[in-house]
Protein backbone atom coordinates (compact mmCIF):
# COMPACT_ATOMS: atom_id res chain seq x y z
CA MET A 1 -77.96 27.07 36.57
CA ALA A 2 -75.14 26.22 34.01
CA ARG A 3 -73.44 28.74 32.10
CA GLN A 4 -72.75 28.44 28.52
CA ALA A 5 -68.91 28.90 27.38
CA LYS A 6 -68.22 32.09 25.41
CA TYR A 7 -67.50 31.94 21.77
CA ALA A 8 -63.80 32.84 22.43
CA SER A 9 -62.91 30.14 25.01
CA GLN A 10 -64.28 27.84 22.57
CA GLN A 11 -61.99 28.81 19.90
CA GLY A 12 -59.06 28.50 22.34
CA LEU A 13 -60.02 24.86 23.10
CA LEU A 14 -60.20 24.09 19.38
CA LEU A 15 -56.76 25.65 19.01
CA VAL A 16 -55.11 23.42 21.68
CA GLU A 17 -57.12 20.16 20.27
CA ALA A 18 -55.55 21.11 16.85
CA VAL A 19 -51.99 21.55 18.27
CA LEU A 20 -52.25 18.35 20.52
CA SER A 21 -53.62 16.32 17.42
CA ALA A 22 -50.67 17.60 15.25
CA VAL A 23 -48.40 16.50 17.89
CA VAL A 24 -49.71 12.94 17.92
CA ILE A 25 -49.88 12.80 14.46
CA ALA A 26 -46.20 13.87 14.10
CA THR A 27 -44.84 11.65 16.91
CA GLY A 28 -46.55 8.65 15.13
CA LEU A 29 -45.35 9.57 11.77
CA VAL A 30 -41.51 9.61 13.15
CA PHE A 31 -42.24 6.23 14.33
CA ILE A 32 -43.70 4.86 11.28
CA SER A 33 -40.77 6.17 9.13
CA ARG A 34 -38.07 4.69 11.42
CA GLY A 35 -39.84 1.54 11.04
CA LEU A 36 -40.19 1.36 7.60
CA GLY A 37 -36.68 2.61 7.07
CA GLY A 38 -35.53 -0.50 9.25
CA GLN A 39 -37.51 -2.72 7.37
CA LEU A 40 -35.86 -1.26 3.96
CA GLN A 41 -32.42 -1.98 5.70
CA ALA A 42 -33.50 -5.88 6.27
CA LEU A 43 -34.88 -6.18 2.96
CA ARG A 44 -31.56 -4.89 1.29
CA ARG A 45 -29.50 -7.50 3.42
CA LEU A 46 -31.97 -10.12 2.65
CA GLU A 47 -31.45 -9.45 -1.28
CA GLU A 48 -27.61 -9.27 -0.64
CA THR A 49 -27.51 -12.50 1.34
CA ASP A 50 -30.00 -14.08 -1.63
CA THR A 51 -27.41 -12.82 -4.46
CA LEU A 52 -24.49 -14.34 -2.45
CA LEU A 53 -26.21 -17.80 -1.87
CA ARG A 54 -27.25 -18.02 -5.38
CA LEU A 55 -23.72 -17.04 -6.76
CA ALA A 56 -21.84 -19.23 -4.33
CA ARG A 57 -24.16 -22.25 -5.48
CA GLY A 58 -23.89 -21.53 -8.96
CA LYS A 59 -20.01 -21.26 -8.63
CA LEU A 60 -19.68 -24.52 -6.68
CA THR A 61 -21.77 -26.43 -9.33
CA GLU A 62 -19.58 -24.85 -11.95
CA LEU A 63 -16.69 -26.20 -10.25
CA GLU A 64 -17.96 -29.48 -9.51
CA ALA A 65 -19.05 -30.00 -13.37
CA ALA A 66 -15.51 -29.11 -14.14
CA LEU A 67 -14.17 -31.70 -11.77
CA VAL A 68 -16.26 -34.31 -13.38
CA ALA A 69 -15.15 -33.15 -16.59
CA GLN A 70 -11.60 -33.36 -15.52
CA ARG A 71 -11.20 -29.65 -16.62
CA LEU A 72 -10.87 -27.94 -13.18
CA PRO A 73 -9.51 -24.55 -13.43
CA PRO A 74 -6.14 -23.89 -11.61
CA ASP A 75 -7.37 -20.36 -10.47
CA ARG A 76 -8.69 -20.31 -7.05
CA THR A 77 -10.06 -16.86 -7.32
CA GLY A 78 -11.80 -14.89 -9.86
CA SER A 79 -14.66 -12.58 -10.29
CA PHE A 80 -18.04 -12.92 -11.91
CA GLU A 81 -19.54 -11.61 -15.14
CA ARG A 82 -22.36 -9.15 -16.01
CA PRO A 83 -24.71 -8.58 -14.44
CA ASP A 84 -22.82 -9.69 -11.11
CA GLU A 85 -19.52 -8.11 -11.89
CA GLY A 86 -19.35 -6.20 -8.41
CA TYR A 87 -18.85 -9.88 -7.05
CA ARG A 88 -15.52 -12.02 -6.34
CA TRP A 89 -15.05 -15.70 -5.50
CA THR A 90 -12.27 -17.49 -3.77
CA VAL A 91 -11.62 -21.22 -3.16
CA THR A 92 -9.50 -22.88 -0.43
CA ALA A 93 -9.04 -26.42 0.08
CA THR A 94 -7.85 -27.94 3.24
CA ARG A 95 -7.08 -31.91 3.65
CA ARG A 96 -9.09 -33.72 6.28
CA PRO A 97 -7.29 -36.06 8.56
CA GLY A 98 -8.63 -39.34 8.16
CA GLU A 99 -8.46 -42.90 9.41
CA PRO A 100 -6.28 -45.64 7.80
CA GLY A 101 -7.88 -47.16 4.87
CA GLU A 102 -10.39 -44.49 4.50
CA PRO A 103 -10.50 -42.31 1.21
CA LEU A 104 -8.46 -39.09 1.38
CA VAL A 105 -10.93 -36.17 1.43
CA ALA A 106 -10.48 -32.35 1.29
CA GLU A 107 -12.60 -29.90 2.54
CA VAL A 108 -13.43 -27.19 -0.07
CA ALA A 109 -14.61 -23.71 0.86
CA LEU A 110 -16.07 -21.65 -1.59
CA THR A 111 -16.65 -17.82 -0.44
CA VAL A 112 -18.34 -15.10 -2.73
CA ALA A 113 -18.20 -11.67 -1.57
CA ARG A 114 -18.93 -8.15 -2.85
CA GLU A 115 -15.75 -6.43 -4.01
CA SER A 116 -16.55 -3.03 -2.47
CA SER A 117 -17.77 -4.54 1.04
CA ALA A 118 -15.95 -5.29 4.17
CA SER A 119 -18.38 -7.92 5.02
CA PRO A 120 -17.18 -11.67 4.89
CA GLY A 121 -19.62 -12.61 2.26
CA MET A 122 -21.07 -16.30 2.25
CA THR A 123 -19.06 -19.59 2.30
CA LEU A 124 -20.12 -22.75 1.28
CA VAL A 125 -18.08 -25.92 2.29
CA ALA A 126 -18.21 -29.39 0.63
CA ALA A 127 -16.21 -32.46 0.76
CA TRP A 128 -14.43 -33.68 -2.14
CA PRO A 129 -11.87 -36.53 -2.78
CA GLU A 130 -8.55 -35.38 -2.62
CA GLU A 131 -7.67 -36.80 -5.86
CA TRP A 132 -10.00 -34.49 -7.74
CA LEU A 133 -8.04 -31.40 -6.63
CA PRO A 134 -4.94 -30.11 -8.26
CA SER A 135 -2.04 -30.14 -6.08
CA GLU A 136 -1.48 -26.45 -6.22
CA TRP A 137 -4.76 -26.15 -4.23
CA PHE A 138 -3.29 -27.15 -0.95
């Protein structure tokens, strides 16, 4: 004949179940919060990369338009205006060695970076005819 559990032992069992449930829920919440924190960091890096790429493409297009209009600025560095005032840009030009009879080409690298960051930023490279560029760029 089976004996029924007493009232006091049933309460103790409920307390153990409640404590174990709380531990499992707390552990799950810790892992969920860490996962969300990692996702937020990845989202911030993605937004920063998107901003750098947008600024670099815009500045390279602006420089190409100035080349076509033959009004290329002599400055090889600068910063952006609002709302992107925290970013700077730098242009470098390197002559590419070519074969005899080929047009002379320069490799132009535009780098955009955040002023307050140690990260290298975003660099776009284009090949332009050397005659487009001012001599002080080399």
